[in-house]
C-alpha atoms as a PDB file:
ATOM      1  CA  MET A   1       0.000   0.000   0.000  1.00  0.00           C
ATOM      2  CA  ASN A   2       1.380   3.407  -0.967  1.00  0.00           C
ATOM      3  CA  GLY A   3       1.171   6.731   0.843  1.00  0.00           C
ATOM      4  CA  THR A   4       1.428  10.238  -0.562  1.00  0.00           C
ATOM      5  CA  ILE A   5       3.735  12.913   0.818  1.00  0.00           C
ATOM      6  CA  ALA A   6       3.202  16.534  -0.191  1.00  0.00           C
ATOM      7  CA  LEU A   7       6.424  18.562  -0.418  1.00  0.00           C
ATOM      8  CA  ARG A   8       6.053  22.312  -0.662  1.00  0.00           C
ATOM      9  CA  ALA A   9       8.237  24.312  -3.052  1.00  0.00           C
ATOM     10  CA  GLU A  10      10.282  25.760  -0.180  1.00  0.00           C
ATOM     11  CA  ASN A  11      11.264  22.240   0.931  1.00  0.00           C
ATOM     12  CA  ILE A  12      13.963  22.163  -1.760  1.00  0.00           C
ATOM     13  CA  TYR A  13      15.914  24.620   0.420  1.00  0.00           C
ATOM     14  CA  ARG A  14      15.952  22.295   3.458  1.00  0.00           C
ATOM     15  CA  GLY A  15      17.810  19.136   4.370  1.00  0.00           C
ATOM     16  CA  SER A  16      21.334  17.799   4.839  1.00  0.00           C
ATOM     17  CA  LEU A  17      22.051  17.682   1.084  1.00  0.00           C
ATOM     18  CA  ILE A  18      21.392  21.304   0.178  1.00  0.00           C
ATOM     19  CA  LEU A  19      24.042  22.731  -2.134  1.00  0.00           C
ATOM     20  CA  VAL A  20      25.280  26.129  -0.975  1.00  0.00           C
ATOM     21  CA  ASN A  21      27.952  27.825  -3.068  1.00  0.00           C
ATOM     22  CA  ARG A  22      28.522  30.966  -5.139  1.00  0.00           C
ATOM     23  CA  GLU A  23      25.688  30.075  -7.493  1.00  0.00           C
ATOM     24  CA  TYR A  24      23.145  28.831  -4.957  1.00  0.00           C
ATOM     25  CA  GLY A  25      22.648  30.899  -1.827  1.00  0.00           C
ATOM     26  CA  TYR A  26      21.289  29.821   1.527  1.00  0.00           C
ATOM     27  CA  ARG A  27      17.769  30.858   2.510  1.00  0.00           C
ATOM     28  CA  GLU A  28      18.081  31.904   6.131  1.00  0.00           C
ATOM     29  CA  ARG A  29      15.891  30.040   8.610  1.00  0.00           C
ATOM     30  CA  LYS A  30      15.983  29.180  12.295  1.00  0.00           C
ATOM     31  CA  GLU A  31      18.053  26.033  12.864  1.00  0.00           C
ATOM     32  CA  ASP A  32      18.069  23.603  15.785  1.00  0.00           C
ATOM     33  CA  LEU A  33      21.643  24.078  16.991  1.00  0.00           C
ATOM     34  CA  ALA A  34      23.867  22.320  19.493  1.00  0.00           C
ATOM     35  CA  ALA A  35      27.512  22.610  20.553  1.00  0.00           C
ATOM     36  CA  PRO A  36      29.837  19.703  19.696  1.00  0.00           C
ATOM     37  CA  GLY A  37      32.923  19.023  21.764  1.00  0.00           C
ATOM     38  CA  ARG A  38      33.951  20.039  25.238  1.00  0.00           C
ATOM     39  CA  GLU A  39      32.615  22.839  27.425  1.00  0.00           C
ATOM     40  CA  GLU A  40      35.193  25.409  26.311  1.00  0.00           C
ATOM     41  CA  THR A  41      33.933  25.071  22.720  1.00  0.00           C
ATOM     42  CA  ALA A  42      30.308  25.891  23.552  1.00  0.00           C
ATOM     43  CA  GLN A  43      30.389  28.951  21.287  1.00  0.00           C
ATOM     44  CA  THR A  44      30.821  26.690  18.245  1.00  0.00           C
ATOM     45  CA  LEU A  45      27.422  25.437  17.081  1.00  0.00           C
ATOM     46  CA  MET A  46      26.101  23.033  14.449  1.00  0.00           C
ATOM     47  CA  GLN A  47      22.751  21.560  13.516  1.00  0.00           C
ATOM     48  CA  ARG A  48      21.918  19.194  16.344  1.00  0.00           C
ATOM     49  CA  ARG A  49      22.075  15.916  14.384  1.00  0.00           C
ATOM     50  CA  ALA A  50      25.415  16.874  12.812  1.00  0.00           C
ATOM     51  CA  ALA A  51      26.810  17.854  16.224  1.00  0.00           C
ATOM     52  CA  LEU A  52      25.767  14.532  17.784  1.00  0.00           C
ATOM     53  CA  LEU A  53      27.342  12.512  14.987  1.00  0.00           C
ATOM     54  CA  LEU A  54      30.509  14.598  15.125  1.00  0.00           C
ATOM     55  CA  ASP A  55      30.774  13.873  18.846  1.00  0.00           C
ATOM     56  CA  SER A  56      30.210  10.157  18.177  1.00  0.00           C
ATOM     57  CA  LEU A  57      33.025  10.140  15.632  1.00  0.00           C
ATOM     58  CA  MET A  58      35.358  12.007  17.977  1.00  0.00           C
ATOM     59  CA  GLU A  59      34.569   9.595  20.804  1.00  0.00           C
ATOM     60  CA  VAL A  60      35.614   6.626  18.646  1.00  0.00           C
ATOM     61  CA  ILE A  61      38.999   8.144  17.719  1.00  0.00           C
ATOM     62  CA  GLY A  62      39.603  10.173  20.900  1.00  0.00           C
ATOM     63  CA  GLY A  63      39.583  13.252  18.719  1.00  0.00           C
ATOM     64  CA  TRP A  64      38.686  16.046  21.108  1.00  0.00           C
ATOM     65  CA  ARG A  65      41.981  15.562  22.965  1.00  0.00           C
ATOM     66  CA  GLU A  66      43.908  16.908  19.969  1.00  0.00           C
ATOM     67  CA  ILE A  67      41.283  18.563  17.745  1.00  0.00           C
ATOM     68  CA  VAL A  68      39.242  21.706  18.409  1.00  0.00           C
ATOM     69  CA  PRO A  69      36.195  23.081  16.567  1.00  0.00           C
ATOM     70  CA  VAL A  70      37.242  26.438  15.138  1.00  0.00           C
ATOM     71  CA  SER A  71      34.091  27.700  13.443  1.00  0.00           C
ATOM     72  CA  GLY A  72      30.631  26.202  12.987  1.00  0.00           C
ATOM     73  CA  TRP A  73      27.297  27.919  12.421  1.00  0.00           C
ATOM     74  CA  ARG A  74      27.450  31.598  11.493  1.00  0.00           C
ATOM     75  CA  SER A  75      24.718  34.150  11.029  1.00  0.00           C
ATOM     76  CA  TYR A  76      24.598  36.235   7.865  1.00  0.00           C
ATOM     77  CA  ARG A  77      25.865  39.198   9.900  1.00  0.00           C
ATOM     78  CA  GLU A  78      28.881  37.251  11.171  1.00  0.00           C
ATOM     79  CA  GLN A  79      29.722  35.940   7.697  1.00  0.00           C
ATOM     80  CA  LYS A  80      29.519  39.480   6.317  1.00  0.00           C
ATOM     81  CA  ALA A  81      31.881  40.740   9.041  1.00  0.00           C
ATOM     82  CA  ILE A  82      34.396  37.958   8.300  1.00  0.00           C
ATOM     83  CA  TRP A  83      34.216  38.704   4.564  1.00  0.00           C
ATOM     84  CA  GLU A  84      34.782  42.431   5.037  1.00  0.00           C
ATOM     85  CA  GLU A  85      37.583  41.930   7.570  1.00  0.00           C
ATOM     86  CA  SER A  86      39.359  39.499   5.245  1.00  0.00           C
ATOM     87  CA  LEU A  87      39.027  41.910   2.329  1.00  0.00           C
ATOM     88  CA  ALA A  88      40.594  44.674   4.398  1.00  0.00           C
ATOM     89  CA  GLU A  89      43.414  42.550   5.830  1.00  0.00           C
ATOM     90  CA  SER A  90      44.215  40.050   3.054  1.00  0.00           C
ATOM     91  CA  GLY A  91      42.765  41.452  -0.170  1.00  0.00           C
ATOM     92  CA  ARG A  92      40.182  40.219  -2.659  1.00  0.00           C
ATOM     93  CA  GLU A  93      42.142  37.312  -4.176  1.00  0.00           C
ATOM     94  CA  PHE A  94      42.745  35.638  -0.813  1.00  0.00           C
ATOM     95  CA  THR A  95      39.218  36.370   0.410  1.00  0.00           C
ATOM     96  CA  GLU A  96      37.485  34.945  -2.659  1.00  0.00           C
ATOM     97  CA  LYS A  97      39.656  31.832  -2.402  1.00  0.00           C
ATOM     98  CA  TYR A  98      38.987  31.044   1.259  1.00  0.00           C
ATOM     99  CA  VAL A  99      35.912  32.987   2.410  1.00  0.00           C
ATOM    100  CA  ALA A 100      32.410  32.434   1.047  1.00  0.00           C
ATOM    101  CA  LEU A 101      30.230  35.377   0.122  1.00  0.00           C
ATOM    102  CA  PRO A 102      27.697  36.366   2.789  1.00  0.00           C
ATOM    103  CA  GLY A 103      24.502  34.472   2.004  1.00  0.00           C
ATOM    104  CA  HIS A 104      26.472  31.791   0.153  1.00  0.00           C
ATOM    105  CA  SER A 105      28.365  30.216   3.034  1.00  0.00           C
ATOM    106  CA  GLU A 106      27.851  26.629   4.198  1.00  0.00           C
ATOM    107  CA  HIS A 107      28.526  27.853   7.715  1.00  0.00           C
ATOM    108  CA  GLN A 108      25.148  29.613   7.680  1.00  0.00           C
ATOM    109  CA  THR A 109      23.414  26.223   7.312  1.00  0.00           C
ATOM    110  CA  GLY A 110      24.855  24.783  10.523  1.00  0.00           C
ATOM    111  CA  LEU A 111      25.963  21.727   8.537  1.00  0.00           C
ATOM    112  CA  ALA A 112      29.626  22.736   8.185  1.00  0.00           C
ATOM    113  CA  ILE A 113      32.485  22.981  10.636  1.00  0.00           C
ATOM    114  CA  ASP A 114      36.123  24.052  10.488  1.00  0.00           C
ATOM    115  CA  LEU A 115      38.404  21.902  12.634  1.00  0.00           C
ATOM    116  CA  GLY A 116      41.940  22.590  13.791  1.00  0.00           C
ATOM    117  CA  LYS A 117      44.815  20.842  15.528  1.00  0.00           C
ATOM    118  CA  ARG A 118      44.833  21.866  19.184  1.00  0.00           C
ATOM    119  CA  ARG A 119      47.548  24.476  19.840  1.00  0.00           C
ATOM    120  CA  GLU A 120      48.005  27.841  21.536  1.00  0.00           C
ATOM    121  CA  GLU A 121      47.393  29.928  18.400  1.00  0.00           C
ATOM    122  CA  ILE A 122      44.949  28.857  15.693  1.00  0.00           C
ATOM    123  CA  ASP A 123      44.385  30.636  12.383  1.00  0.00           C
ATOM    124  CA  PHE A 124      40.623  31.279  12.224  1.00  0.00           C
ATOM    125  CA  ILE A 125      40.506  31.378   8.401  1.00  0.00           C
ATOM    126  CA  ARG A 126      42.991  28.573   7.688  1.00  0.00           C
ATOM    127  CA  PRO A 127      43.422  26.345  10.753  1.00  0.00           C
ATOM    128  CA  ASP A 128      46.042  23.602  10.596  1.00  0.00           C
ATOM    129  CA  PHE A 129      44.452  20.196   9.929  1.00  0.00           C
ATOM    130  CA  PRO A 130      47.153  17.985   8.387  1.00  0.00           C
ATOM    131  CA  TYR A 131      46.861  14.696   6.514  1.00  0.00           C
ATOM    132  CA  THR A 132      48.672  12.907   9.323  1.00  0.00           C
ATOM    133  CA  GLY A 133      48.014  11.704  12.870  1.00  0.00           C
ATOM    134  CA  ILE A 134      44.661  12.207  14.546  1.00  0.00           C
ATOM    135  CA  CYS A 135      43.479  14.578  11.804  1.00  0.00           C
ATOM    136  CA  GLN A 136      43.919  11.881   9.179  1.00  0.00           C
ATOM    137  CA  SER A 137      42.239   9.351  11.478  1.00  0.00           C
ATOM    138  CA  PHE A 138      39.257  11.716  11.517  1.00  0.00           C
ATOM    139  CA  ARG A 139      39.192  11.851   7.705  1.00  0.00           C
ATOM    140  CA  LYS A 140      39.288   8.086   7.380  1.00  0.00           C
ATOM    141  CA  LYS A 141      36.236   7.687   9.640  1.00  0.00           C
ATOM    142  CA  ALA A 142      34.318  10.813   8.557  1.00  0.00           C
ATOM    143  CA  ALA A 143      32.131   9.218   5.862  1.00  0.00           C
ATOM    144  CA  GLU A 144      30.896   6.558   8.302  1.00  0.00           C
ATOM    145  CA  TYR A 145      29.290   9.382  10.285  1.00  0.00           C
ATOM    146  CA  GLY A 146      28.002  11.369   7.309  1.00  0.00           C
ATOM    147  CA  PHE A 147      30.835  13.911   6.866  1.00  0.00           C
ATOM    148  CA  ILE A 148      32.898  14.830   3.801  1.00  0.00           C
ATOM    149  CA  GLU A 149      35.938  17.025   3.259  1.00  0.00           C
ATOM    150  CA  ARG A 150      34.020  19.649   1.334  1.00  0.00           C
ATOM    151  CA  TYR A 151      36.761  21.476  -0.607  1.00  0.00           C
ATOM    152  CA  PRO A 152      39.385  18.928  -1.745  1.00  0.00           C
ATOM    153  CA  ALA A 153      42.499  19.705  -3.748  1.00  0.00           C
ATOM    154  CA  GLY A 154      42.041  19.573  -7.513  1.00  0.00           C
ATOM    155  CA  LYS A 155      38.341  20.487  -7.363  1.00  0.00           C
ATOM    156  CA  GLU A 156      38.686  24.252  -6.984  1.00  0.00           C
ATOM    157  CA  GLN A 157      37.127  24.979 -10.389  1.00  0.00           C
ATOM    158  CA  ILE A 158      34.048  22.988  -9.369  1.00  0.00           C
ATOM    159  CA  THR A 159      33.551  24.241  -5.813  1.00  0.00           C
ATOM    160  CA  GLY A 160      34.699  27.827  -6.381  1.00  0.00           C
ATOM    161  CA  ILE A 161      36.681  27.623  -3.125  1.00  0.00           C
ATOM    162  CA  GLY A 162      40.371  26.892  -2.572  1.00  0.00           C
ATOM    163  CA  HIS A 163      41.572  23.641  -1.039  1.00  0.00           C
ATOM    164  CA  GLU A 164      40.429  23.610   2.609  1.00  0.00           C
ATOM    165  CA  PRO A 165      41.596  20.485   4.444  1.00  0.00           C
ATOM    166  CA  TRP A 166      39.987  21.810   7.659  1.00  0.00           C
ATOM    167  CA  HIS A 167      36.417  22.313   6.356  1.00  0.00           C
ATOM    168  CA  PHE A 168      33.987  19.418   6.785  1.00  0.00           C
ATOM    169  CA  ARG A 169      30.345  19.188   5.817  1.00  0.00           C
ATOM    170  CA  TYR A 170      27.606  16.909   7.112  1.00  0.00           C
ATOM    171  CA  VAL A 171      25.657  15.358   4.213  1.00  0.00           C
ATOM    172  CA  GLY A 172      24.412  12.200   5.915  1.00  0.00           C
ATOM    173  CA  ILE A 173      24.613   8.479   5.330  1.00  0.00           C
ATOM    174  CA  PRO A 174      25.063   6.894   2.773  1.00  0.00           C
ATOM    175  CA  HIS A 175      25.773  10.036   0.736  1.00  0.00           C
ATOM    176  CA  ALA A 176      29.134  10.766   2.365  1.00  0.00           C
ATOM    177  CA  ARG A 177      30.333   7.253   1.575  1.00  0.00           C
ATOM    178  CA  ILE A 178      29.199   7.475  -2.057  1.00  0.00           C
ATOM    179  CA  MET A 179      30.933  10.829  -2.511  1.00  0.00           C
ATOM    180  CA  GLN A 180      34.095   9.525  -0.883  1.00  0.00           C
ATOM    181  CA  GLU A 181      34.217   6.349  -2.992  1.00  0.00           C
ATOM    182  CA  LYS A 182      33.554   8.243  -6.223  1.00  0.00           C
ATOM    183  CA  GLU A 183      35.762  11.194  -5.218  1.00  0.00           C
ATOM    184  CA  MET A 184      32.882  13.583  -5.840  1.00  0.00           C
ATOM    185  CA  THR A 185      32.235  17.022  -4.474  1.00  0.00           C
ATOM    186  CA  LEU A 186      28.698  17.904  -3.430  1.00  0.00           C
ATOM    187  CA  GLU A 187      28.285  19.783  -6.729  1.00  0.00           C
ATOM    188  CA  GLU A 188      29.180  16.641  -8.659  1.00  0.00           C
ATOM    189  CA  TYR A 189      26.976  14.433  -6.493  1.00  0.00           C
ATOM    190  CA  ILE A 190      23.895  16.617  -7.033  1.00  0.00           C
ATOM    191  CA  SER A 191      24.384  16.244 -10.801  1.00  0.00           C
ATOM    192  CA  PHE A 192      25.164  12.521 -10.548  1.00  0.00           C
ATOM    193  CA  ILE A 193      21.963  11.635  -8.675  1.00  0.00           C
ATOM    194  CA  ARG A 194      19.837  13.274 -11.377  1.00  0.00           C
ATOM    195  CA  GLN A 195      20.636  10.179 -13.473  1.00  0.00           C
ATOM    196  CA  PHE A 196      18.333   8.194 -11.153  1.00  0.00           C
ATOM    197  CA  PRO A 197      14.796   9.619 -11.408  1.00  0.00           C
ATOM    198  CA  TYR A 198      12.522   8.494  -8.590  1.00  0.00           C
ATOM    199  CA  GLY A 199      10.186   5.669  -9.598  1.00  0.00           C
ATOM    200  CA  GLU A 200      12.306   4.782 -12.625  1.00  0.00           C
ATOM    201  CA  ALA A 201      15.829   4.093 -11.362  1.00  0.00           C
ATOM    202  CA  ALA A 202      17.886   4.252  -8.179  1.00  0.00           C
ATOM    203  CA  TYR A 203      21.526   4.256  -7.205  1.00  0.00           C
ATOM    204  CA  ARG A 204      22.005   1.276  -4.891  1.00  0.00           C
ATOM    205  CA  ILE A 205      24.588   0.780  -2.179  1.00  0.00           C
ATOM    206  CA  ARG A 206      24.902  -1.814   0.591  1.00  0.00           C
ATOM    207  CA  GLU A 207      25.585  -0.628   4.118  1.00  0.00           C
ATOM    208  CA  ARG A 208      25.729  -2.946   7.138  1.00  0.00           C
ATOM    209  CA  GLY A 209      23.759  -5.663   5.384  1.00  0.00           C
ATOM    210  CA  ARG A 210      21.046  -3.326   4.119  1.00  0.00           C
ATOM    211  CA  GLU A 211      20.369  -2.161   0.604  1.00  0.00           C
ATOM    212  CA  ILE A 212      19.975   1.605   0.312  1.00  0.00           C
ATOM    213  CA  GLU A 213      18.436   3.261  -2.736  1.00  0.00           C
ATOM    214  CA  VAL A 214      19.078   6.896  -3.667  1.00  0.00           C
ATOM    215  CA  SER A 215      17.101   8.754  -6.336  1.00  0.00           C
ATOM    216  CA  TYR A 216      16.119  12.227  -7.528  1.00  0.00           C
ATOM    217  CA  LEU A 217      12.716  13.882  -7.834  1.00  0.00           C
ATOM    218  CA  LYS A 218      12.315  17.175  -9.688  1.00  0.00           C
ATOM    219  CA  ALA A 219      10.314  19.770  -7.768  1.00  0.00           C
ATOM    220  CA  GLN A 220       7.038  21.018  -9.146  1.00  0.00           C
ATOM    221  CA  GLU A 221       6.135  24.696  -9.125  1.00  0.00           C
ATOM    222  CA  GLU A 222       4.037  24.743  -5.945  1.00  0.00           C
ATOM    223  CA  CYS A 223       3.740  21.263  -4.470  1.00  0.00           C
ATOM    224  CA  THR A 224       5.499  18.000  -5.284  1.00  0.00           C
ATOM    225  CA  ARG A 225       3.657  14.776  -4.487  1.00  0.00           C
ATOM    226  CA  LEU A 226       5.762  11.793  -3.586  1.00  0.00           C
ATOM    227  CA  GLU A 227       4.275   8.296  -3.646  1.00  0.00           C
ATOM    228  CA  MET A 228       5.954   6.124  -1.007  1.00  0.00           C
ATOM    229  CA  ASP A 229       5.550   2.665   0.468  1.00  0.00           C
ATOM    230  CA  PRO A 230       4.777   3.521   4.123  1.00  0.00           C
ATOM    231  CA  GLN A 231       6.589   0.347   5.247  1.00  0.00           C
ATOM    232  CA  VAL A 232       9.947   1.505   3.871  1.00  0.00           C
ATOM    233  CA  PRO A 233      12.150   3.848   5.975  1.00  0.00           C
ATOM    234  CA  TYR A 234      13.135   6.908   3.991  1.00  0.00           C
ATOM    235  CA  ALA A 235      14.622  10.390   4.130  1.00  0.00           C
ATOM    236  CA  VAL A 236      13.930  13.325   1.840  1.00  0.00           C
ATOM    237  CA  SER A 237      16.297  16.265   1.440  1.00  0.00           C
ATOM    238  CA  GLY A 238      16.036  19.243  -0.839  1.00  0.00           C
ATOM    239  CA  ASN A 239      19.092  19.962  -2.980  1.00  0.00           C
ATOM    240  CA  ASN A 240      18.694  23.795  -2.927  1.00  0.00           C
ATOM    241  CA  VAL A 241      18.715  23.733  -6.732  1.00  0.00           C
ATOM    242  CA  ASP A 242      15.716  22.125  -8.393  1.00  0.00           C
ATOM    243  CA  GLY A 243      14.409  19.140  -6.493  1.00  0.00           C
ATOM    244  CA  PHE A 244      14.769  16.426  -3.887  1.00  0.00           C
ATOM    245  CA  ILE A 245      17.058  13.528  -3.100  1.00  0.00           C
ATOM    246  CA  ILE A 246      15.182  10.515  -1.770  1.00  0.00           C
ATOM    247  CA  THR A 247      16.920   7.837   0.281  1.00  0.00           C
ATOM    248  CA  GLN A 248      15.238   4.517   1.091  1.00  0.00           C
ATOM    249  CA  TRP A 249      16.494   1.737   3.364  1.00  0.00           C
ATOM    250  CA  ARG A 250      15.571  -1.884   2.663  1.00  0.00           C
ATOM    251  CA  ARG A 251      16.417  -5.211   4.267  1.00  0.00           C
ATOM    252  CA  LYS A 252      19.202  -7.311   2.824  1.00  0.00           C
ATOM    253  CA  SER A 253      16.577  -9.509   1.157  1.00  0.00           C
ATOM    254  CA  GLY A 254      14.891  -6.488  -0.397  1.00  0.00           C
ATOM    255  CA  CYS A 255      11.852  -6.763   1.894  1.00  0.00           C
ATOM    256  CA  ALA A 256      10.485  -3.584   3.420  1.00  0.00           C
ATOM    257  CA  GLN A 257      11.013  -2.639   7.061  1.00  0.00           C
ATOM    258  CA  SER A 258       8.396  -1.141   9.308  1.00  0.00           C
ATOM    259  CA  ALA A 259       9.615   2.292  10.454  1.00  0.00           C
ATOM    260  CA  ARG A 260      10.019   5.483   8.471  1.00  0.00           C
ATOM    261  CA  TYR A 261      11.756   8.832   8.755  1.00  0.00           C
ATOM    262  CA  VAL A 262      11.301  12.109   6.903  1.00  0.00           C
ATOM    263  CA  GLU A 263      14.100  14.684   6.973  1.00  0.00           C
ATOM    264  CA  VAL A 264      12.185  17.662   5.611  1.00  0.00           C
ATOM    265  CA  SER A 265       8.712  18.603   6.736  1.00  0.00           C
ATOM    266  CA  SER A 266       5.865  19.007   4.315  1.00  0.00           C
END
């Protein structure tokens, strides 16, 4: 038996897979925020689910002993101040390479965080996060908890941002793993998933004995209706561009499970 979900047009701007870059800005809204890490880092905030998963990852590797959160959620006003200060101190070329335009920063979503190696002085714009030691241990485990290194080397022409080994973005499971395995940026992943229209095709991946299906649904002008099997767990995220990414979890045998989950409200 199928059920119908009604997704409003504004739902494409919500969810863990929204693309925010120079071309696609973030539509400001109130986020449910929490502070990852230890008490002294309470000023660094992220969306609550991302913060909880970040803490889980850090617990596994003992990360908070050597790693500190440098910058998480920012308001538009804070991003604007950082942009203007960087312009004044470092010039336009540096600023455009490492600082996102106000209104076009992932930090405004609460889904992104800059991490740094613990030390007395930390560069706020470019914290040290090397490809060695505990920092590399974090990278190796990140996808298991839904995080990607958002601005990798060699992808600057695609992301519009310079290589930032310290900047991580929560996109969720299994999307982080797919992006990692295919060496895709979020921009590339959004385009890739369009090859799998909902109801016609799906990208399939196995995770912990379960088959997960990922597909794309183009948004309609006012309301998009999504026909779903109510017995299959699922998540729906807008892509902030033109539609939705639908994720469905099935048993190893392909039989439906009984619970369900919706990431964006209708």
